[in-house]
Amino acid sequence: MKRFAHLLSAALFAAALTISGTIAGTVGGTAAQAWAKEYKIGSMIDLSGPTSSVGQPYAKGIHDGAAWINANGGIGGVPITLLEADTAYNAQQGIATYKRFTTSEHVVGIQGFGTAVTEALARFATKDKMPYFSASYSAHLTDPATAPYNFIIAADYTTQMRAAIKYFRDGWKESRAPRIAFVYPDHPYGLAPIPGGKAYAEELGFEIVATETVGLKDIDATTQMLALLKAKPDFCWIGGTTPSTAVIMKDAVKVGLKTVFFTNIWGCDENIFKLAGDAADGNVSLQAAAAYGDDVPGMQVIKKVTNGEPQMTHYTRGFVSMLVMAEGMRIAAQKGELTGPAVKAALETLRDYDPMGLAPAISIFPDDHRPNMGVFLYRLEKGRMVFLKAQNLERKKEWLGK
């Protein structure tokens, strides 16, 4: 298992303090006194295994986010030490890493990743009072009643689907009801948003015409696309991953199916153009972070720290996740000792926190850990993700955790 420690040198950090100043000023003493301390964060990401293609850019975003925070004064003059480990989408490996981070390394927070490890560690984080950020956006992780120390920076999967459905309904011009279908893997990740998404579609007047399952590793979806061809949906949800989405889109073109596919943030990324080619054109990708090159303030920061090398949206979400955690740490440090409960309480005071436009504004409440109710929608056009709209929903209490 790979493990690295990242910490800027004292000289570089001091130079950053002199040139750039701090994010929010030094807390409790001078910057020189602050060098006696550090704040350790454990980064547990799938750098190998079945989700490594998206885990690697996400981990790099977290790494670069921590480096940028340190280069701009750290947490009130105290640097972050980022401890990085590979969890390989293996729950037992994740548990072992978590225990080492919390008992031997004494981290003050965890940056996690996938559903398998996040679900396995939710009760550990609660027991240990350990702030745990992840890239698993299952709705139940947003309910503090069951996961009080879990945090995410993207709208949960069901909210993502609801936001897109609302966007399509608002733009519908025909007198008949719009027709919608759902394609997803028979897997907890794929199944999670379906009940809530279907209920909301019916509430808005959609006609649900079909549901089909396509596995994450399937290499052919012709049978399912032929069934959809008969159902004639105007819109079709895909709840898989980019490779399975590419299979669906290509087979839809092959059988002559004309519909607008829309996917969640794992169901489509910049690799879709390599995998699906022209079959991707005209479909819609939901994202919870800006695409590389978007005209938002934070993109200039990302371009600088990456030397202008284009990054995937997964990278940007990792970067934002580190920014949000650091903001909670900063608030907690200003108020006193930085502990797990203090960081949790600080995060729950965030109201419309703007991560430099790189993601929708974030608000977290003591009884509601949904970071926001919005997504960015992009149309896939000739090898590019073209921004359509930031779609936001009302924060309905009855949707929490569902």
Protein backbone atom coordinates (compact mmCIF):
# COMPACT_ATOMS: atom_id res chain seq x y z
CA MET A 1 0.00 0.00 0.00
CA LYS A 2 1.43 3.31 -1.04
CA ARG A 3 1.76 6.05 1.50
CA PHE A 4 3.15 9.53 1.12
CA ALA A 5 3.44 12.60 3.33
CA HIS A 6 3.10 16.03 1.81
CA LEU A 7 4.32 19.15 3.62
CA LEU A 8 5.75 22.34 2.20
CA SER A 9 9.21 23.26 3.43
CA ALA A 10 9.49 25.91 6.12
CA ALA A 11 11.23 28.25 3.73
CA LEU A 12 8.56 27.95 1.06
CA PHE A 13 5.77 28.27 3.60
CA ALA A 14 7.35 31.37 5.15
CA ALA A 15 7.79 32.85 1.69
CA ALA A 16 4.16 32.18 0.93
CA LEU A 17 3.15 33.96 4.12
CA THR A 18 5.25 36.96 3.15
CA ILE A 19 4.17 37.17 -0.47
CA SER A 20 0.56 35.98 -0.40
CA GLY A 21 -0.55 36.50 3.18
CA THR A 22 -2.84 33.98 4.82
CA ILE A 23 -6.30 32.82 3.85
CA ALA A 24 -7.79 34.17 7.04
CA GLY A 25 -4.92 35.48 9.14
CA THR A 26 -2.78 33.70 11.69
CA VAL A 27 -4.75 32.40 14.65
CA GLY A 28 -3.23 32.69 18.14
CA GLY A 29 0.35 33.88 17.84
CA THR A 30 2.80 34.59 15.10
CA ALA A 31 3.50 32.51 12.03
CA ALA A 32 6.87 31.55 13.51
CA GLN A 33 5.19 30.16 16.62
CA ALA A 34 2.80 28.24 14.39
CA TRP A 35 5.67 26.15 13.04
CA ALA A 36 5.58 24.09 16.21
CA LYS A 37 2.28 22.63 14.99
CA GLU A 38 0.74 20.86 12.03
CA TYR A 39 -2.71 19.59 11.10
CA LYS A 40 -2.68 16.07 9.69
CA ILE A 41 -5.32 15.03 7.16
CA GLY A 42 -5.67 11.44 5.95
CA SER A 43 -6.37 11.02 2.23
CA MET A 44 -7.81 7.56 1.49
CA ILE A 45 -8.52 7.29 -2.23
CA ASP A 46 -8.77 4.45 -4.76
CA LEU A 47 -5.47 4.83 -6.58
CA SER A 48 -5.71 1.27 -7.89
CA GLY A 49 -8.57 -1.14 -8.46
CA PRO A 50 -11.86 -0.77 -10.38
CA THR A 51 -12.42 2.93 -9.64
CA SER A 52 -8.82 4.11 -9.96
CA SER A 53 -9.43 5.87 -13.31
CA VAL A 54 -11.50 8.46 -11.44
CA GLY A 55 -9.82 8.04 -8.06
CA GLN A 56 -6.45 9.17 -9.32
CA PRO A 57 -7.57 12.60 -10.61
CA TYR A 58 -9.72 13.07 -7.50
CA ALA A 59 -6.70 12.32 -5.27
CA LYS A 60 -4.58 14.75 -7.25
CA GLY A 61 -7.21 17.44 -6.70
CA ILE A 62 -7.08 16.88 -2.94
CA HIS A 63 -3.28 16.89 -3.00
CA ASP A 64 -3.09 20.12 -5.01
CA GLY A 65 -5.80 21.70 -2.88
CA ALA A 66 -3.78 21.04 0.28
CA ALA A 67 -0.65 22.41 -1.38
CA TRP A 68 -2.46 25.56 -2.47
CA ILE A 69 -3.85 26.08 1.03
CA ASN A 70 -0.37 25.73 2.51
CA ALA A 71 1.09 28.11 -0.06
CA ASN A 72 -1.49 30.66 1.04
CA GLY A 73 -0.89 30.48 4.78
CA GLY A 74 -2.31 27.12 5.78
CA ILE A 75 -4.93 27.09 8.52
CA GLY A 76 -4.31 30.38 10.28
CA GLY A 77 -0.56 29.99 9.87
CA VAL A 78 -0.45 26.26 10.60
CA PRO A 79 0.39 23.94 7.68
CA ILE A 80 -1.58 20.90 6.60
CA THR A 81 0.27 17.60 6.39
CA LEU A 82 -1.54 15.38 3.90
CA LEU A 83 -1.04 11.65 4.43
CA GLU A 84 -2.00 9.75 1.27
CA ALA A 85 -2.94 6.06 0.98
CA ASP A 86 -4.46 3.74 -1.63
CA THR A 87 -7.70 2.00 -0.61
CA ALA A 88 -8.19 0.15 -3.95
CA TYR A 89 -12.00 0.14 -3.49
CA ASN A 90 -11.46 -2.48 -0.79
CA ALA A 91 -13.39 -2.00 2.45
CA GLN A 92 -10.96 -4.01 4.61
CA GLN A 93 -7.99 -2.11 3.25
CA GLY A 94 -9.86 1.12 3.93
CA ILE A 95 -10.65 0.13 7.52
CA ALA A 96 -7.01 -0.77 8.19
CA THR A 97 -5.84 2.54 6.73
CA TYR A 98 -8.42 4.51 8.70
CA LYS A 99 -7.37 2.86 11.96
CA ARG A 100 -3.72 3.66 11.28
CA PHE A 101 -4.52 7.27 10.43
CA THR A 102 -6.66 7.78 13.53
CA THR A 103 -4.64 5.85 16.11
CA SER A 104 -1.02 6.23 14.97
CA GLU A 105 -1.05 9.39 12.89
CA HIS A 106 -3.70 11.27 14.92
CA VAL A 107 -5.30 12.96 11.92
CA VAL A 108 -7.94 15.65 12.47
CA GLY A 109 -9.96 14.72 9.38
CA ILE A 110 -10.30 12.19 6.57
CA GLN A 111 -10.66 12.74 2.83
CA GLY A 112 -12.27 9.52 1.61
CA PHE A 113 -13.62 8.37 -1.71
CA GLY A 114 -15.80 5.46 -2.82
CA THR A 115 -19.02 3.97 -1.53
CA ALA A 116 -17.59 0.63 -0.41
CA VAL A 117 -15.08 2.17 1.99
CA THR A 118 -17.26 5.13 3.01
CA GLU A 119 -20.18 2.89 4.00
CA ALA A 120 -17.86 0.60 5.96
CA LEU A 121 -16.37 3.52 7.88
CA ALA A 122 -19.46 5.61 8.61
CA ARG A 123 -19.96 4.09 12.06
CA PHE A 124 -16.23 4.37 12.83
CA ALA A 125 -16.27 8.07 11.98
CA THR A 126 -19.29 8.57 14.23
CA LYS A 127 -17.73 6.70 17.14
CA ASP A 128 -14.40 8.49 16.76
CA LYS A 129 -16.00 11.88 16.07
CA MET A 130 -13.87 12.12 12.96
CA PRO A 131 -14.94 14.53 10.15
CA TYR A 132 -15.08 12.33 7.05
CA PHE A 133 -15.42 13.81 3.58
CA SER A 134 -16.06 11.45 0.68
CA ALA A 135 -16.93 11.23 -2.99
CA SER A 136 -19.75 8.82 -2.26
CA TYR A 137 -22.86 10.92 -2.74
CA SER A 138 -25.54 8.54 -1.47
CA ALA A 139 -28.43 10.53 -0.06
CA HIS A 140 -28.48 8.78 3.32
CA LEU A 141 -24.97 10.08 4.04
CA THR A 142 -26.40 13.60 4.15
CA ASP A 143 -28.64 12.85 7.14
CA PRO A 144 -26.82 13.72 10.41
CA ALA A 145 -29.26 11.52 12.30
CA THR A 146 -27.54 8.46 10.81
CA ALA A 147 -24.16 9.82 9.60
CA PRO A 148 -23.31 12.83 11.82
CA TYR A 149 -19.62 13.04 10.84
CA ASN A 150 -19.99 12.39 7.11
CA PHE A 151 -19.73 15.32 4.69
CA ILE A 152 -19.86 15.70 0.91
CA ILE A 153 -19.40 18.71 -1.35
CA ALA A 154 -21.68 17.62 -4.20
CA ALA A 155 -25.43 17.22 -4.35
CA ASP A 156 -26.44 13.64 -3.60
CA TYR A 157 -27.32 11.30 -6.46
CA THR A 158 -31.07 11.73 -6.09
CA THR A 159 -30.82 15.52 -5.97
CA GLN A 160 -28.70 15.40 -9.12
CA MET A 161 -31.38 13.44 -10.93
CA ARG A 162 -34.21 15.64 -9.66
CA ALA A 163 -32.38 18.80 -10.76
CA ALA A 164 -31.95 17.50 -14.30
CA ILE A 165 -35.57 16.34 -14.48
CA LYS A 166 -36.67 19.83 -13.42
CA TYR A 167 -34.43 21.37 -16.11
CA PHE A 168 -35.97 19.21 -18.84
CA ARG A 169 -39.53 19.84 -17.64
CA ASP A 170 -39.00 23.60 -17.56
CA GLY A 171 -37.82 23.51 -21.17
CA TRP A 172 -40.57 21.21 -22.47
CA LYS A 173 -42.72 22.93 -25.13
CA GLU A 174 -45.06 20.24 -26.44
CA SER A 175 -48.63 19.78 -25.21
CA ARG A 176 -48.17 16.06 -24.48
CA ALA A 177 -46.40 14.81 -21.38
CA PRO A 178 -42.65 14.28 -21.75
CA ARG A 179 -41.63 10.63 -21.70
CA ILE A 180 -38.77 9.41 -19.52
CA ALA A 181 -36.90 6.14 -19.04
CA PHE A 182 -34.28 4.95 -16.58
CA VAL A 183 -31.20 2.80 -17.25
CA TYR A 184 -28.96 1.80 -14.36
CA PRO A 185 -26.86 -1.06 -12.97
CA ASP A 186 -28.49 -3.47 -10.52
CA HIS A 187 -26.14 -2.24 -7.82
CA PRO A 188 -26.69 -0.09 -4.69
CA TYR A 189 -25.01 2.85 -6.41
CA GLY A 190 -27.30 2.57 -9.44
CA LEU A 191 -30.47 1.78 -7.51
CA ALA A 192 -30.16 4.49 -4.82
CA PRO A 193 -31.68 7.47 -6.70
CA ILE A 194 -34.33 5.62 -8.70
CA PRO A 195 -37.32 5.72 -6.27
CA GLY A 196 -36.90 9.43 -5.54
CA GLY A 197 -36.22 10.29 -9.17
CA LYS A 198 -39.26 8.40 -10.44
CA ALA A 199 -41.54 9.97 -7.84
CA TYR A 200 -40.35 13.47 -8.76
CA ALA A 201 -40.73 12.80 -12.48
CA GLU A 202 -44.34 11.73 -11.92
CA GLU A 203 -44.93 14.77 -9.72
CA LEU A 204 -43.79 17.03 -12.58
CA GLY A 205 -46.00 15.28 -15.11
CA PHE A 206 -43.56 12.96 -16.87
CA GLU A 207 -44.75 9.65 -18.27
CA ILE A 208 -42.41 6.88 -17.16
CA VAL A 209 -42.18 4.52 -20.14
CA ALA A 210 -39.37 2.07 -19.34
CA THR A 211 -36.66 0.90 -16.97
CA GLU A 212 -33.68 -1.20 -18.04
CA THR A 213 -30.57 -2.49 -16.29
CA VAL A 214 -27.07 -2.36 -17.78
CA GLY A 215 -24.16 -3.60 -15.69
CA LEU A 216 -21.07 -1.50 -15.09
CA LYS A 217 -18.93 -4.08 -16.90
CA ASP A 218 -21.35 -4.89 -19.73
CA ILE A 219 -19.90 -4.55 -23.23
CA ASP A 220 -23.23 -4.73 -25.07
CA ALA A 221 -26.61 -3.09 -24.41
CA THR A 222 -28.33 -3.77 -27.73
CA THR A 223 -31.23 -5.69 -26.17
CA GLN A 224 -31.97 -2.92 -23.69
CA MET A 225 -31.73 -0.22 -26.37
CA LEU A 226 -34.15 -2.11 -28.61
CA ALA A 227 -36.63 -2.16 -25.72
CA LEU A 228 -36.18 1.60 -25.28
CA LEU A 229 -36.65 2.09 -29.02
CA LYS A 230 -40.19 0.73 -28.63
CA ALA A 231 -40.84 2.87 -25.54
CA LYS A 232 -39.73 6.09 -27.31
CA PRO A 233 -38.51 8.12 -24.31
CA ASP A 234 -37.72 11.79 -24.84
CA PHE A 235 -35.22 11.64 -21.98
CA CYS A 236 -33.33 8.74 -20.45
CA TRP A 237 -31.37 8.64 -17.20
CA ILE A 238 -28.11 6.68 -17.11
CA GLY A 239 -26.88 5.83 -13.62
CA GLY A 240 -23.63 4.01 -14.38
CA THR A 241 -20.04 4.95 -15.06
CA THR A 242 -18.42 6.49 -18.13
CA PRO A 243 -17.47 3.14 -19.76
CA SER A 244 -20.99 1.70 -19.37
CA THR A 245 -22.49 5.01 -20.50
CA ALA A 246 -20.40 4.81 -23.67
CA VAL A 247 -21.73 1.30 -24.37
CA ILE A 248 -25.31 2.53 -23.96
CA MET A 249 -24.85 5.59 -26.16
CA LYS A 250 -23.14 3.69 -28.96
CA ASP A 251 -25.73 0.90 -28.99
CA ALA A 252 -28.54 3.47 -28.93
CA VAL A 253 -27.16 4.98 -32.13
CA LYS A 254 -26.74 1.52 -33.62
CA VAL A 255 -30.44 0.65 -33.18
CA GLY A 256 -31.69 4.11 -34.17
CA LEU A 257 -32.87 5.26 -30.73
CA LYS A 258 -33.29 9.03 -30.53
CA THR A 259 -33.43 10.34 -26.98
CA VAL A 260 -31.51 12.70 -24.72
CA PHE A 261 -29.45 10.70 -22.26
CA PHE A 262 -28.47 12.40 -19.00
CA THR A 263 -26.02 11.04 -16.47
CA ASN A 264 -24.85 11.67 -12.94
CA ILE A 265 -21.33 12.89 -12.17
CA TRP A 266 -19.76 9.42 -12.34
CA GLY A 267 -21.74 8.42 -15.42
CA CYS A 268 -19.96 10.82 -17.72
CA ASP A 269 -16.67 12.68 -17.74
CA GLU A 270 -14.13 13.94 -20.26
CA ASN A 271 -13.30 10.36 -21.30
CA ILE A 272 -16.75 9.88 -22.82
CA PHE A 273 -15.56 11.37 -26.10
CA LYS A 274 -12.77 8.80 -26.39
CA LEU A 275 -15.10 5.92 -25.54
CA ALA A 276 -18.33 6.88 -27.30
CA GLY A 277 -17.17 9.16 -30.11
CA ASP A 278 -19.95 10.99 -31.96
CA ALA A 279 -22.58 8.92 -30.10
CA ALA A 280 -22.05 11.21 -27.10
CA ASP A 281 -23.15 14.34 -28.99
CA GLY A 282 -26.36 15.99 -27.84
CA ASN A 283 -26.54 14.24 -24.50
CA VAL A 284 -26.28 15.92 -21.09
CA SER A 285 -23.74 15.44 -18.32
CA LEU A 286 -24.50 16.46 -14.75
CA GLN A 287 -21.50 17.76 -12.84
CA ALA A 288 -20.93 19.11 -9.35
CA ALA A 289 -17.79 21.03 -10.26
CA ALA A 290 -16.69 23.26 -13.10
CA ALA A 291 -15.18 21.72 -16.21
CA TYR A 292 -11.60 22.66 -16.96
CA GLY A 293 -11.45 26.05 -18.65
CA ASP A 294 -14.81 27.34 -17.40
CA ASP A 295 -14.89 31.07 -16.74
CA VAL A 296 -14.96 31.02 -12.92
CA PRO A 297 -12.46 32.67 -10.54
CA GLY A 298 -11.08 29.42 -9.17
CA MET A 299 -10.17 28.14 -12.61
CA GLN A 300 -7.27 30.58 -12.71
CA VAL A 301 -5.98 29.01 -9.48
CA ILE A 302 -6.29 25.50 -10.90
CA LYS A 303 -4.59 26.48 -14.15
CA LYS A 304 -1.72 27.92 -12.15
CA VAL A 305 -1.21 24.94 -9.84
CA THR A 306 -1.45 22.49 -12.78
CA ASN A 307 0.75 24.56 -15.11
CA GLY A 308 -2.12 24.83 -17.58
CA GLU A 309 -2.55 21.07 -17.99
CA PRO A 310 -6.27 20.22 -18.44
CA GLN A 311 -7.83 18.23 -15.61
CA MET A 312 -10.98 16.15 -15.28
CA THR A 313 -13.96 17.37 -13.30
CA HIS A 314 -13.11 14.70 -10.71
CA TYR A 315 -9.91 16.63 -10.01
CA THR A 316 -11.89 19.83 -9.44
CA ARG A 317 -14.23 18.11 -6.97
CA GLY A 318 -11.24 16.81 -5.03
CA PHE A 319 -9.81 20.33 -4.94
CA VAL A 320 -13.14 21.72 -3.71
CA SER A 321 -13.48 19.00 -1.07
CA MET A 322 -10.14 20.09 0.39
CA LEU A 323 -11.18 23.75 0.31
CA VAL A 324 -14.39 23.06 2.21
CA MET A 325 -12.68 20.92 4.84
CA ALA A 326 -10.04 23.61 5.30
CA GLU A 327 -12.73 26.26 5.74
CA GLY A 328 -14.27 24.22 8.56
CA MET A 329 -10.84 23.78 10.12
CA ARG A 330 -10.14 27.50 9.84
CA ILE A 331 -13.39 28.43 11.61
CA ALA A 332 -12.78 25.84 14.33
CA ALA A 333 -9.19 27.05 14.87
CA GLN A 334 -10.35 30.65 15.21
CA LYS A 335 -12.71 29.62 17.98
CA GLY A 336 -10.22 27.49 19.90
CA GLU A 337 -8.70 24.03 19.76
CA LEU A 338 -9.12 22.19 16.49
CA THR A 339 -10.87 18.89 17.24
CA GLY A 340 -13.25 16.62 15.35
CA PRO A 341 -16.37 17.92 17.11
CA ALA A 342 -15.14 21.51 16.63
CA VAL A 343 -14.62 21.00 12.89
CA LYS A 344 -18.04 19.34 12.58
CA ALA A 345 -19.69 22.25 14.40
CA ALA A 346 -17.80 24.76 12.24
CA LEU A 347 -18.82 23.06 8.99
CA GLU A 348 -22.43 23.19 10.14
CA THR A 349 -22.23 26.99 10.22
CA LEU A 350 -21.32 27.30 6.52
CA ARG A 351 -23.86 29.39 4.62
CA ASP A 352 -23.42 29.96 0.89
CA TYR A 353 -19.71 29.30 1.10
CA ASP A 354 -18.32 29.96 -2.37
CA PRO A 355 -15.41 27.70 -3.42
CA MET A 356 -14.29 30.30 -5.96
CA GLY A 357 -17.08 29.33 -8.37
CA LEU A 358 -15.63 25.85 -8.82
CA ALA A 359 -18.81 24.29 -7.42
CA PRO A 360 -22.28 25.46 -6.38
CA ALA A 361 -22.28 27.44 -3.12
CA ILE A 362 -22.26 25.25 -0.03
CA SER A 363 -24.44 25.47 3.08
CA ILE A 364 -24.39 22.81 5.80
CA PHE A 365 -26.75 22.68 8.78
CA PRO A 366 -26.65 20.75 12.08
CA ASP A 367 -29.71 18.74 10.99
CA ASP A 368 -29.00 18.65 7.24
CA HIS A 369 -25.62 17.87 5.67
CA ARG A 370 -26.77 18.33 2.08
CA PRO A 371 -24.14 20.80 0.78
CA ASN A 372 -26.45 22.27 -1.82
CA MET A 373 -29.41 21.40 -4.02
CA GLY A 374 -27.88 22.07 -7.40
CA VAL A 375 -25.82 20.74 -10.27
CA PHE A 376 -24.08 22.12 -13.32
CA LEU A 377 -25.50 20.81 -16.59
CA TYR A 378 -23.29 20.40 -19.67
CA ARG A 379 -24.21 19.43 -23.21
CA LEU A 380 -21.79 17.06 -24.91
CA GLU A 381 -20.81 18.58 -28.25
CA LYS A 382 -18.02 17.52 -30.60
CA GLY A 383 -15.54 16.53 -27.95
CA ARG A 384 -16.42 19.33 -25.53
CA MET A 385 -18.54 19.75 -22.44
CA VAL A 386 -20.53 22.94 -23.08
CA PHE A 387 -22.05 24.62 -20.02
CA LEU A 388 -25.85 24.86 -20.10
CA LYS A 389 -27.06 25.96 -16.70
CA ALA A 390 -26.67 25.73 -12.94
CA GLN A 391 -29.93 24.10 -11.87
CA ASN A 392 -30.97 24.52 -8.24
CA LEU A 393 -33.84 23.00 -6.30
CA GLU A 394 -35.65 23.91 -3.11
CA ARG A 395 -34.14 22.32 0.03
CA LYS A 396 -37.16 20.19 0.93
CA LYS A 397 -37.03 18.52 4.33
CA GLU A 398 -38.84 15.43 3.07
CA TRP A 399 -36.04 14.78 0.58
CA LEU A 400 -33.30 14.58 3.23
CA GLY A 401 -31.60 11.21 3.07
CA LYS A 402 -33.77 9.99 0.18
